[in-house]
Structure formats: structure tokens, C-alpha cells
Amino acid sequence: MGRYVITNQPEDIEWGNSLYFVPRTIQNAKNLIMTQMGEVPYDRLRGFDPALYHLPMDKMRAALKPEIDRVLTWEPDATAEEVKAEMDEKGEILITVVIQVPD
């Protein structure tokens, strides 16, 4: 199993060869974390619950791992291993997730 780091920050997509399983799985997991709950028509529960952004940081950190696990149920090949949240210099919340993907 490979370990990969993804965040909730927009970045260029590095598809490489899109036929490969691992890059596609990593990108799917990142897309799920960046999607907000309610954005996907007919599937309103898919995506990250934006209500967590309005919680105090300690409560958000406590609720973050279960929320990431819930979001990643739509990508069964990715498993969240570590999750952390911190505020950057602009006041935005940066979520970093270490995922495991089978090779």
C-alpha cells in the first residue's frame, strides 16, 4: 500500500497516464474532499460538510477524521490514515489527509 498526501487546496491535476489506478484514485479522493456537501445534484450527501469550517478549531479537529472517513466512502480504494487541520496565514483552513492506496 502506498501513502499519499492530499489537501483541500486547489492544485493542477497531475494525471500522468490516466489509465493508471493510483493517480486516478488519489485524484478522486482529493475531488471528494474539495467537494462541498450539497454540490452534487441528486446526491446531496456526497462531499465535505462545510459546517465544520464554522466550528472552533479544537472541535473541528475532533470531528474531522470521522467526516473524512465518511467522504471517502465514495472512493473505496482510498483509506484515510492521518488527518490534520490548521489555519494558514490568510485565515483559511488547510486540511491535510494522508491516504493509503493499494499499489
PDB file of N, CA and C in Angstrom:
ATOM      1  N   MET A   1       0.831  -1.180   0.000  1.00  0.00           N
ATOM      2  CA  MET A   1       0.000   0.000   0.000  1.00  0.00           C
ATOM      3  C   MET A   1       0.874   1.242   0.000  1.00  0.00           C
ATOM      4  N   GLY A   2       0.541   2.164  -0.867  1.00  0.00           N
ATOM      5  CA  GLY A   2       1.262   3.424  -0.910  1.00  0.00           C
ATOM      6  C   GLY A   2       0.572   4.476  -0.056  1.00  0.00           C
ATOM      7  N   ARG A   3       1.366   5.386   0.492  1.00  0.00           N
ATOM      8  CA  ARG A   3       0.848   6.504   1.281  1.00  0.00           C
ATOM      9  C   ARG A   3       1.008   7.778   0.478  1.00  0.00           C
ATOM     10  N   TYR A   4      -0.051   8.586   0.416  1.00  0.00           N
ATOM     11  CA  TYR A   4      -0.049   9.814  -0.367  1.00  0.00           C
ATOM     12  C   TYR A   4      -0.706  10.923   0.434  1.00  0.00           C
ATOM     13  N   VAL A   5      -0.224  12.145   0.250  1.00  0.00           N
ATOM     14  CA  VAL A   5      -0.749  13.300   0.965  1.00  0.00           C
ATOM     15  C   VAL A   5      -1.610  14.117   0.017  1.00  0.00           C
ATOM     16  N   ILE A   6      -2.844  14.418   0.448  1.00  0.00           N
ATOM     17  CA  ILE A   6      -3.728  15.291  -0.319  1.00  0.00           C
ATOM     18  C   ILE A   6      -4.212  16.403   0.605  1.00  0.00           C
ATOM     19  N   THR A   7      -4.611  17.518  -0.002  1.00  0.00           N
ATOM     20  CA  THR A   7      -5.122  18.647   0.777  1.00  0.00           C
ATOM     21  C   THR A   7      -6.425  19.140   0.155  1.00  0.00           C
ATOM     22  N   ASN A   8      -7.040  20.086   0.827  1.00  0.00           N
ATOM     23  CA  ASN A   8      -8.255  20.698   0.301  1.00  0.00           C
ATOM     24  C   ASN A   8      -7.956  21.958  -0.506  1.00  0.00           C
ATOM     25  N   GLN A   9      -6.716  22.148  -0.915  1.00  0.00           N
ATOM     26  CA  GLN A   9      -6.327  23.313  -1.714  1.00  0.00           C
ATOM     27  C   GLN A   9      -6.301  22.956  -3.186  1.00  0.00           C
ATOM     28  N   PRO A  10      -6.804  23.861  -4.045  1.00  0.00           N
ATOM     29  CA  PRO A  10      -6.773  23.571  -5.484  1.00  0.00           C
ATOM     30  C   PRO A  10      -5.336  23.493  -6.004  1.00  0.00           C
ATOM     31  N   GLU A  11      -5.086  22.513  -6.824  1.00  0.00           N
ATOM     32  CA  GLU A  11      -3.774  22.321  -7.448  1.00  0.00           C
ATOM     33  C   GLU A  11      -3.995  21.801  -8.853  1.00  0.00           C
ATOM     34  N   ASP A  12      -2.980  21.911  -9.679  1.00  0.00           N
ATOM     35  CA  ASP A  12      -3.069  21.336 -11.012  1.00  0.00           C
ATOM     36  C   ASP A  12      -3.194  19.826 -10.898  1.00  0.00           C
ATOM     37  N   ILE A  13      -3.977  19.255 -11.774  1.00  0.00           N
ATOM     38  CA  ILE A  13      -4.149  17.806 -11.792  1.00  0.00           C
ATOM     39  C   ILE A  13      -2.976  17.186 -12.520  1.00  0.00           C
ATOM     40  N   GLU A  14      -2.308  16.255 -11.866  1.00  0.00           N
ATOM     41  CA  GLU A  14      -1.199  15.537 -12.486  1.00  0.00           C
ATOM     42  C   GLU A  14      -1.691  14.137 -12.835  1.00  0.00           C
ATOM     43  N   TRP A  15      -2.301  14.019 -13.975  1.00  0.00           N
ATOM     44  CA  TRP A  15      -2.880  12.744 -14.365  1.00  0.00           C
ATOM     45  C   TRP A  15      -1.823  11.750 -14.797  1.00  0.00           C
ATOM     46  N   GLY A  16      -0.719  12.216 -15.337  1.00  0.00           N
ATOM     47  CA  GLY A  16       0.238  11.275 -15.909  1.00  0.00           C
ATOM     48  C   GLY A  16      -0.495  10.497 -16.975  1.00  0.00           C
ATOM     49  N   ASN A  17      -0.452   9.211 -16.880  1.00  0.00           N
ATOM     50  CA  ASN A  17      -1.254   8.372 -17.759  1.00  0.00           C
ATOM     51  C   ASN A  17      -2.530   8.038 -16.999  1.00  0.00           C
ATOM     52  N   SER A  18      -3.659   8.568 -17.441  1.00  0.00           N
ATOM     53  CA  SER A  18      -4.907   8.433 -16.695  1.00  0.00           C
ATOM     54  C   SER A  18      -5.404   6.994 -16.619  1.00  0.00           C
ATOM     55  N   LEU A  19      -4.720   6.076 -17.291  1.00  0.00           N
ATOM     56  CA  LEU A  19      -5.113   4.675 -17.205  1.00  0.00           C
ATOM     57  C   LEU A  19      -4.603   4.027 -15.926  1.00  0.00           C
ATOM     58  N   TYR A  20      -3.664   4.682 -15.265  1.00  0.00           N
ATOM     59  CA  TYR A  20      -3.093   4.112 -14.057  1.00  0.00           C
ATOM     60  C   TYR A  20      -4.063   4.240 -12.896  1.00  0.00           C
ATOM     61  N   PHE A  21      -4.144   3.225 -12.099  1.00  0.00           N
ATOM     62  CA  PHE A  21      -5.086   3.138 -10.990  1.00  0.00           C
ATOM     63  C   PHE A  21      -4.774   4.143  -9.879  1.00  0.00           C
ATOM     64  N   VAL A  22      -3.514   4.223  -9.444  1.00  0.00           N
ATOM     65  CA  VAL A  22      -3.156   5.030  -8.280  1.00  0.00           C
ATOM     66  C   VAL A  22      -3.396   6.522  -8.495  1.00  0.00           C
ATOM     67  N   PRO A  23      -2.901   7.152  -9.573  1.00  0.00           N
ATOM     68  CA  PRO A  23      -3.160   8.587  -9.743  1.00  0.00           C
ATOM     69  C   PRO A  23      -4.652   8.905  -9.835  1.00  0.00           C
ATOM     70  N   ARG A  24      -5.402   8.034 -10.454  1.00  0.00           N
ATOM     71  CA  ARG A  24      -6.841   8.250 -10.582  1.00  0.00           C
ATOM     72  C   ARG A  24      -7.521   8.175  -9.212  1.00  0.00           C
ATOM     73  N   THR A  25      -7.113   7.226  -8.385  1.00  0.00           N
ATOM     74  CA  THR A  25      -7.690   7.073  -7.052  1.00  0.00           C
ATOM     75  C   THR A  25      -7.341   8.265  -6.167  1.00  0.00           C
ATOM     76  N   ILE A  26      -6.106   8.725  -6.236  1.00  0.00           N
ATOM     77  CA  ILE A  26      -5.680   9.891  -5.458  1.00  0.00           C
ATOM     78  C   ILE A  26      -6.487  11.117  -5.865  1.00  0.00           C
ATOM     79  N   GLN A  27      -6.643  11.323  -7.166  1.00  0.00           N
ATOM     80  CA  GLN A  27      -7.405  12.479  -7.644  1.00  0.00           C
ATOM     81  C   GLN A  27      -8.872  12.376  -7.242  1.00  0.00           C
ATOM     82  N   ASN A  28      -9.453  11.190  -7.281  1.00  0.00           N
ATOM     83  CA  ASN A  28     -10.839  11.007  -6.848  1.00  0.00           C
ATOM     84  C   ASN A  28     -10.999  11.379  -5.375  1.00  0.00           C
ATOM     85  N   ALA A  29     -10.058  10.950  -4.536  1.00  0.00           N
ATOM     86  CA  ALA A  29     -10.116  11.265  -3.110  1.00  0.00           C
ATOM     87  C   ALA A  29     -10.001  12.767  -2.888  1.00  0.00           C
ATOM     88  N   LYS A  30      -9.098  13.407  -3.599  1.00  0.00           N
ATOM     89  CA  LYS A  30      -8.930  14.860  -3.478  1.00  0.00           C
ATOM     90  C   LYS A  30     -10.194  15.589  -3.923  1.00  0.00           C
ATOM     91  N   ASN A  31     -10.791  15.152  -5.025  1.00  0.00           N
ATOM     92  CA  ASN A  31     -12.029  15.776  -5.501  1.00  0.00           C
ATOM     93  C   ASN A  31     -13.139  15.652  -4.461  1.00  0.00           C
ATOM     94  N   LEU A  32     -13.235  14.508  -3.809  1.00  0.00           N
ATOM     95  CA  LEU A  32     -14.271  14.315  -2.796  1.00  0.00           C
ATOM     96  C   LEU A  32     -14.069  15.250  -1.607  1.00  0.00           C
ATOM     97  N   ILE A  33     -12.825  15.449  -1.205  1.00  0.00           N
ATOM     98  CA  ILE A  33     -12.547  16.331  -0.073  1.00  0.00           C
ATOM     99  C   ILE A  33     -12.817  17.789  -0.441  1.00  0.00           C
ATOM    100  N   MET A  34     -12.583  18.152  -1.690  1.00  0.00           N
ATOM    101  CA  MET A  34     -12.808  19.533  -2.122  1.00  0.00           C
ATOM    102  C   MET A  34     -14.265  19.821  -2.469  1.00  0.00           C
ATOM    103  N   THR A  35     -15.064  18.798  -2.683  1.00  0.00           N
ATOM    104  CA  THR A  35     -16.478  18.985  -2.976  1.00  0.00           C
ATOM    105  C   THR A  35     -17.225  19.253  -1.678  1.00  0.00           C
ATOM    106  N   GLN A  36     -18.092  20.265  -1.694  1.00  0.00           N
ATOM    107  CA  GLN A  36     -18.890  20.539  -0.512  1.00  0.00           C
ATOM    108  C   GLN A  36     -20.204  19.783  -0.572  1.00  0.00           C
ATOM    109  N   MET A  37     -20.645  19.337   0.574  1.00  0.00           N
ATOM    110  CA  MET A  37     -21.913  18.629   0.664  1.00  0.00           C
ATOM    111  C   MET A  37     -23.012  19.512   0.068  1.00  0.00           C
ATOM    112  N   GLY A  38     -23.828  18.930  -0.798  1.00  0.00           N
ATOM    113  CA  GLY A  38     -24.916  19.672  -1.426  1.00  0.00           C
ATOM    114  C   GLY A  38     -24.609  20.124  -2.843  1.00  0.00           C
ATOM    115  N   GLU A  39     -23.358  20.055  -3.273  1.00  0.00           N
ATOM    116  CA  GLU A  39     -22.983  20.499  -4.620  1.00  0.00           C
ATOM    117  C   GLU A  39     -23.393  19.519  -5.711  1.00  0.00           C
ATOM    118  N   VAL A  40     -23.502  18.249  -5.387  1.00  0.00           N
ATOM    119  CA  VAL A  40     -23.781  17.236  -6.395  1.00  0.00           C
ATOM    120  C   VAL A  40     -25.290  16.991  -6.446  1.00  0.00           C
ATOM    121  N   PRO A  41     -25.949  17.370  -7.541  1.00  0.00           N
ATOM    122  CA  PRO A  41     -27.385  17.145  -7.640  1.00  0.00           C
ATOM    123  C   PRO A  41     -27.719  15.661  -7.512  1.00  0.00           C
ATOM    124  N   TYR A  42     -28.813  15.377  -6.870  1.00  0.00           N
ATOM    125  CA  TYR A  42     -29.318  14.017  -6.648  1.00  0.00           C
ATOM    126  C   TYR A  42     -28.427  13.185  -5.735  1.00  0.00           C
ATOM    127  N   ASP A  43     -27.387  13.777  -5.188  1.00  0.00           N
ATOM    128  CA  ASP A  43     -26.527  13.088  -4.234  1.00  0.00           C
ATOM    129  C   ASP A  43     -26.013  14.135  -3.244  1.00  0.00           C
ATOM    130  N   ARG A  44     -26.930  14.703  -2.494  1.00  0.00           N
ATOM    131  CA  ARG A  44     -26.632  15.853  -1.625  1.00  0.00           C
ATOM    132  C   ARG A  44     -25.722  15.527  -0.447  1.00  0.00           C
ATOM    133  N   LEU A  45     -25.522  14.266  -0.129  1.00  0.00           N
ATOM    134  CA  LEU A  45     -24.653  13.907   0.988  1.00  0.00           C
ATOM    135  C   LEU A  45     -23.201  13.711   0.567  1.00  0.00           C
ATOM    136  N   ARG A  46     -22.939  13.660  -0.728  1.00  0.00           N
ATOM    137  CA  ARG A  46     -21.559  13.483  -1.206  1.00  0.00           C
ATOM    138  C   ARG A  46     -20.794  14.786  -0.992  1.00  0.00           C
ATOM    139  N   GLY A  47     -19.609  14.676  -0.442  1.00  0.00           N
ATOM    140  CA  GLY A  47     -18.757  15.838  -0.246  1.00  0.00           C
ATOM    141  C   GLY A  47     -18.589  16.191   1.227  1.00  0.00           C
ATOM    142  N   PHE A  48     -17.719  17.147   1.464  1.00  0.00           N
ATOM    143  CA  PHE A  48     -17.323  17.585   2.798  1.00  0.00           C
ATOM    144  C   PHE A  48     -18.384  18.508   3.378  1.00  0.00           C
ATOM    145  N   ASP A  49     -18.711  18.315   4.646  1.00  0.00           N
ATOM    146  CA  ASP A  49     -19.709  19.145   5.312  1.00  0.00           C
ATOM    147  C   ASP A  49     -19.091  20.505   5.653  1.00  0.00           C
ATOM    148  N   PRO A  50     -19.527  21.595   4.982  1.00  0.00           N
ATOM    149  CA  PRO A  50     -18.915  22.907   5.229  1.00  0.00           C
ATOM    150  C   PRO A  50     -19.221  23.469   6.613  1.00  0.00           C
ATOM    151  N   ALA A  51     -20.163  22.880   7.339  1.00  0.00           N
ATOM    152  CA  ALA A  51     -20.460  23.340   8.698  1.00  0.00           C
ATOM    153  C   ALA A  51     -19.242  23.168   9.612  1.00  0.00           C
ATOM    154  N   LEU A  52     -18.364  22.240   9.292  1.00  0.00           N
ATOM    155  CA  LEU A  52     -17.169  22.033  10.118  1.00  0.00           C
ATOM    156  C   LEU A  52     -16.254  23.253  10.104  1.00  0.00           C
ATOM    157  N   TYR A  53     -16.271  24.023   9.016  1.00  0.00           N
ATOM    158  CA  TYR A  53     -15.427  25.219   8.933  1.00  0.00           C
ATOM    159  C   TYR A  53     -15.842  26.281   9.957  1.00  0.00           C
ATOM    160  N   HIS A  54     -17.055  26.224  10.464  1.00  0.00           N
ATOM    161  CA  HIS A  54     -17.560  27.236  11.383  1.00  0.00           C
ATOM    162  C   HIS A  54     -17.397  26.837  12.845  1.00  0.00           C
ATOM    163  N   LEU A  55     -16.861  25.654  13.084  1.00  0.00           N
ATOM    164  CA  LEU A  55     -16.612  25.199  14.450  1.00  0.00           C
ATOM    165  C   LEU A  55     -15.296  25.777  14.967  1.00  0.00           C
ATOM    166  N   PRO A  56     -15.155  25.890  16.301  1.00  0.00           N
ATOM    167  CA  PRO A  56     -13.836  26.227  16.841  1.00  0.00           C
ATOM    168  C   PRO A  56     -12.827  25.158  16.409  1.00  0.00           C
ATOM    169  N   MET A  57     -11.581  25.551  16.267  1.00  0.00           N
ATOM    170  CA  MET A  57     -10.565  24.669  15.691  1.00  0.00           C
ATOM    171  C   MET A  57     -10.438  23.350  16.451  1.00  0.00           C
ATOM    172  N   ASP A  58     -10.502  23.350  17.773  1.00  0.00           N
ATOM    173  CA  ASP A  58     -10.364  22.095  18.519  1.00  0.00           C
ATOM    174  C   ASP A  58     -11.546  21.152  18.259  1.00  0.00           C
ATOM    175  N   LYS A  59     -12.755  21.701  18.134  1.00  0.00           N
ATOM    176  CA  LYS A  59     -13.914  20.860  17.828  1.00  0.00           C
ATOM    177  C   LYS A  59     -13.875  20.372  16.387  1.00  0.00           C
ATOM    178  N   MET A  60     -13.367  21.211  15.491  1.00  0.00           N
ATOM    179  CA  MET A  60     -13.241  20.783  14.095  1.00  0.00           C
ATOM    180  C   MET A  60     -12.263  19.627  13.991  1.00  0.00           C
ATOM    181  N   ARG A  61     -11.136  19.742  14.664  1.00  0.00           N
ATOM    182  CA  ARG A  61     -10.145  18.658  14.614  1.00  0.00           C
ATOM    183  C   ARG A  61     -10.721  17.353  15.142  1.00  0.00           C
ATOM    184  N   ALA A  62     -11.567  17.432  16.173  1.00  0.00           N
ATOM    185  CA  ALA A  62     -12.172  16.222  16.736  1.00  0.00           C
ATOM    186  C   ALA A  62     -13.172  15.597  15.763  1.00  0.00           C
ATOM    187  N   ALA A  63     -13.875  16.432  14.992  1.00  0.00           N
ATOM    188  CA  ALA A  63     -14.897  15.936  14.062  1.00  0.00           C
ATOM    189  C   ALA A  63     -14.340  15.618  12.677  1.00  0.00           C
ATOM    190  N   LEU A  64     -13.091  15.984  12.422  1.00  0.00           N
ATOM    191  CA  LEU A  64     -12.536  15.894  11.065  1.00  0.00           C
ATOM    192  C   LEU A  64     -12.315  14.457  10.586  1.00  0.00           C
ATOM    193  N   LYS A  65     -11.712  13.603  11.381  1.00  0.00           N
ATOM    194  CA  LYS A  65     -11.417  12.227  10.942  1.00  0.00           C
ATOM    195  C   LYS A  65     -12.689  11.466  10.577  1.00  0.00           C
ATOM    196  N   PRO A  66     -13.746  11.483  11.430  1.00  0.00           N
ATOM    197  CA  PRO A  66     -14.974  10.789  11.021  1.00  0.00           C
ATOM    198  C   PRO A  66     -15.588  11.375   9.749  1.00  0.00           C
ATOM    199  N   GLU A  67     -15.473  12.689   9.566  1.00  0.00           N
ATOM    200  CA  GLU A  67     -16.030  13.308   8.362  1.00  0.00           C
ATOM    201  C   GLU A  67     -15.242  12.896   7.121  1.00  0.00           C
ATOM    202  N   ILE A  68     -13.926  12.875   7.202  1.00  0.00           N
ATOM    203  CA  ILE A  68     -13.103  12.443   6.070  1.00  0.00           C
ATOM    204  C   ILE A  68     -13.375  10.972   5.755  1.00  0.00           C
ATOM    205  N   ASP A  69     -13.511  10.142   6.785  1.00  0.00           N
ATOM    206  CA  ASP A  69     -13.840   8.729   6.559  1.00  0.00           C
ATOM    207  C   ASP A  69     -15.184   8.604   5.835  1.00  0.00           C
ATOM    208  N   ARG A  70     -16.169   9.427   6.226  1.00  0.00           N
ATOM    209  CA  ARG A  70     -17.481   9.396   5.571  1.00  0.00           C
ATOM    210  C   ARG A  70     -17.365   9.821   4.110  1.00  0.00           C
ATOM    211  N   VAL A  71     -16.620  10.879   3.864  1.00  0.00           N
ATOM    212  CA  VAL A  71     -16.462  11.392   2.493  1.00  0.00           C
ATOM    213  C   VAL A  71     -15.766  10.362   1.609  1.00  0.00           C
ATOM    214  N   LEU A  72     -14.783   9.686   2.151  1.00  0.00           N
ATOM    215  CA  LEU A  72     -14.027   8.723   1.353  1.00  0.00           C
ATOM    216  C   LEU A  72     -14.770   7.407   1.118  1.00  0.00           C
ATOM    217  N   THR A  73     -15.971   7.266   1.634  1.00  0.00           N
ATOM    218  CA  THR A  73     -16.748   6.060   1.319  1.00  0.00           C
ATOM    219  C   THR A  73     -17.096   6.009  -0.168  1.00  0.00           C
ATOM    220  N   TRP A  74     -17.071   7.168  -0.842  1.00  0.00           N
ATOM    221  CA  TRP A  74     -17.328   7.191  -2.288  1.00  0.00           C
ATOM    222  C   TRP A  74     -16.092   6.801  -3.094  1.00  0.00           C
ATOM    223  N   GLU A  75     -14.955   6.674  -2.450  1.00  0.00           N
ATOM    224  CA  GLU A  75     -13.738   6.167  -3.102  1.00  0.00           C
ATOM    225  C   GLU A  75     -13.216   5.030  -2.233  1.00  0.00           C
ATOM    226  N   PRO A  76     -13.747   3.830  -2.421  1.00  0.00           N
ATOM    227  CA  PRO A  76     -13.411   2.726  -1.512  1.00  0.00           C
ATOM    228  C   PRO A  76     -11.961   2.263  -1.569  1.00  0.00           C
ATOM    229  N   ASP A  77     -11.211   2.662  -2.588  1.00  0.00           N
ATOM    230  CA  ASP A  77      -9.809   2.241  -2.679  1.00  0.00           C
ATOM    231  C   ASP A  77      -8.869   3.141  -1.887  1.00  0.00           C
ATOM    232  N   ALA A  78      -9.380   4.255  -1.351  1.00  0.00           N
ATOM    233  CA  ALA A  78      -8.561   5.163  -0.547  1.00  0.00           C
ATOM    234  C   ALA A  78      -9.024   5.095   0.902  1.00  0.00           C
ATOM    235  N   THR A  79      -8.059   5.006   1.811  1.00  0.00           N
ATOM    236  CA  THR A  79      -8.346   4.959   3.239  1.00  0.00           C
ATOM    237  C   THR A  79      -7.566   6.069   3.926  1.00  0.00           C
ATOM    238  N   ALA A  80      -8.257   6.870   4.731  1.00  0.00           N
ATOM    239  CA  ALA A  80      -7.590   7.951   5.461  1.00  0.00           C
ATOM    240  C   ALA A  80      -6.811   7.371   6.626  1.00  0.00           C
ATOM    241  N   GLU A  81      -5.539   7.699   6.662  1.00  0.00           N
ATOM    242  CA  GLU A  81      -4.673   7.215   7.727  1.00  0.00           C
ATOM    243  C   GLU A  81      -4.463   8.304   8.781  1.00  0.00           C
ATOM    244  N   GLU A  82      -4.120   9.493   8.343  1.00  0.00           N
ATOM    245  CA  GLU A  82      -3.909  10.634   9.235  1.00  0.00           C
ATOM    246  C   GLU A  82      -4.657  11.834   8.664  1.00  0.00           C
ATOM    247  N   VAL A  83      -5.208  12.648   9.564  1.00  0.00           N
ATOM    248  CA  VAL A  83      -5.934  13.844   9.154  1.00  0.00           C
ATOM    249  C   VAL A  83      -5.537  14.971  10.087  1.00  0.00           C
ATOM    250  N   LYS A  84      -5.247  16.145   9.526  1.00  0.00           N
ATOM    251  CA  LYS A  84      -4.977  17.291  10.389  1.00  0.00           C
ATOM    252  C   LYS A  84      -5.505  18.564   9.725  1.00  0.00           C
ATOM    253  N   ALA A  85      -5.802  19.526  10.564  1.00  0.00           N
ATOM    254  CA  ALA A  85      -6.304  20.820  10.088  1.00  0.00           C
ATOM    255  C   ALA A  85      -5.533  21.920  10.796  1.00  0.00           C
ATOM    256  N   GLU A  86      -5.208  22.957  10.038  1.00  0.00           N
ATOM    257  CA  GLU A  86      -4.538  24.116  10.609  1.00  0.00           C
ATOM    258  C   GLU A  86      -4.920  25.351   9.816  1.00  0.00           C
ATOM    259  N   MET A  87      -4.789  26.494  10.438  1.00  0.00           N
ATOM    260  CA  MET A  87      -5.126  27.740   9.784  1.00  0.00           C
ATOM    261  C   MET A  87      -3.860  28.343   9.183  1.00  0.00           C
ATOM    262  N   ASP A  88      -3.942  28.766   7.909  1.00  0.00           N
ATOM    263  CA  ASP A  88      -2.769  29.361   7.277  1.00  0.00           C
ATOM    264  C   ASP A  88      -2.725  30.858   7.553  1.00  0.00           C
ATOM    265  N   GLU A  89      -1.743  31.534   6.980  1.00  0.00           N
ATOM    266  CA  GLU A  89      -1.548  32.963   7.237  1.00  0.00           C
ATOM    267  C   GLU A  89      -2.679  33.838   6.694  1.00  0.00           C
ATOM    268  N   LYS A  90      -3.461  33.324   5.746  1.00  0.00           N
ATOM    269  CA  LYS A  90      -4.600  34.065   5.197  1.00  0.00           C
ATOM    270  C   LYS A  90      -5.876  33.844   5.994  1.00  0.00           C
ATOM    271  N   GLY A  91      -5.822  32.974   6.997  1.00  0.00           N
ATOM    272  CA  GLY A  91      -7.004  32.666   7.789  1.00  0.00           C
ATOM    273  C   GLY A  91      -7.847  31.551   7.195  1.00  0.00           C
ATOM    274  N   GLU A  92      -7.335  30.874   6.173  1.00  0.00           N
ATOM    275  CA  GLU A  92      -8.050  29.757   5.565  1.00  0.00           C
ATOM    276  C   GLU A  92      -7.639  28.461   6.266  1.00  0.00           C
ATOM    277  N   ILE A  93      -8.572  27.533   6.326  1.00  0.00           N
ATOM    278  CA  ILE A  93      -8.297  26.252   6.979  1.00  0.00           C
ATOM    279  C   ILE A  93      -7.730  25.284   5.953  1.00  0.00           C
ATOM    280  N   LEU A  94      -6.550  24.777   6.238  1.00  0.00           N
ATOM    281  CA  LEU A  94      -5.873  23.814   5.388  1.00  0.00           C
ATOM    282  C   LEU A  94      -6.055  22.428   5.993  1.00  0.00           C
ATOM    283  N   ILE A  95      -6.694  21.559   5.238  1.00  0.00           N
ATOM    284  CA  ILE A  95      -6.896  20.181   5.676  1.00  0.00           C
ATOM    285  C   ILE A  95      -5.906  19.309   4.921  1.00  0.00           C
ATOM    286  N   THR A  96      -5.140  18.524   5.654  1.00  0.00           N
ATOM    287  CA  THR A  96      -4.158  17.620   5.071  1.00  0.00           C
ATOM    288  C   THR A  96      -4.547  16.201   5.464  1.00  0.00           C
ATOM    289  N   VAL A  97      -4.608  15.334   4.456  1.00  0.00           N
ATOM    290  CA  VAL A  97      -5.013  13.950   4.688  1.00  0.00           C
ATOM    291  C   VAL A  97      -3.945  13.028   4.083  1.00  0.00           C
ATOM    292  N   VAL A  98      -3.485  12.079   4.873  1.00  0.00           N
ATOM    293  CA  VAL A  98      -2.599  11.035   4.383  1.00  0.00           C
ATOM    294  C   VAL A  98      -3.487   9.837   4.084  1.00  0.00           C
ATOM    295  N   ILE A  99      -3.498   9.423   2.821  1.00  0.00           N
ATOM    296  CA  ILE A  99      -4.336   8.294   2.432  1.00  0.00           C
ATOM    297  C   ILE A  99      -3.466   7.110   2.037  1.00  0.00           C
ATOM    298  N   GLN A 100      -4.049   5.934   2.165  1.00  0.00           N
ATOM    299  CA  GLN A 100      -3.411   4.712   1.690  1.00  0.00           C
ATOM    300  C   GLN A 100      -4.179   4.238   0.459  1.00  0.00           C
ATOM    301  N   VAL A 101      -3.412   3.873  -0.557  1.00  0.00           N
ATOM    302  CA  VAL A 101      -3.996   3.368  -1.800  1.00  0.00           C
ATOM    303  C   VAL A 101      -3.242   2.098  -2.162  1.00  0.00           C
ATOM    304  N   PRO A 102      -3.965   1.019  -2.482  1.00  0.00           N
ATOM    305  CA  PRO A 102      -3.260  -0.201  -2.887  1.00  0.00           C
ATOM    306  C   PRO A 102      -2.474   0.007  -4.178  1.00  0.00           C
ATOM    307  N   ASP A 103      -1.286  -0.541  -4.247  1.00  0.00           N
ATOM    308  CA  ASP A 103      -0.438  -0.406  -5.457  1.00  0.00           C
ATOM    309  C   ASP A 103      -0.824  -1.384  -6.524  1.00  0.00           C
TER     310      ASP A 103
END
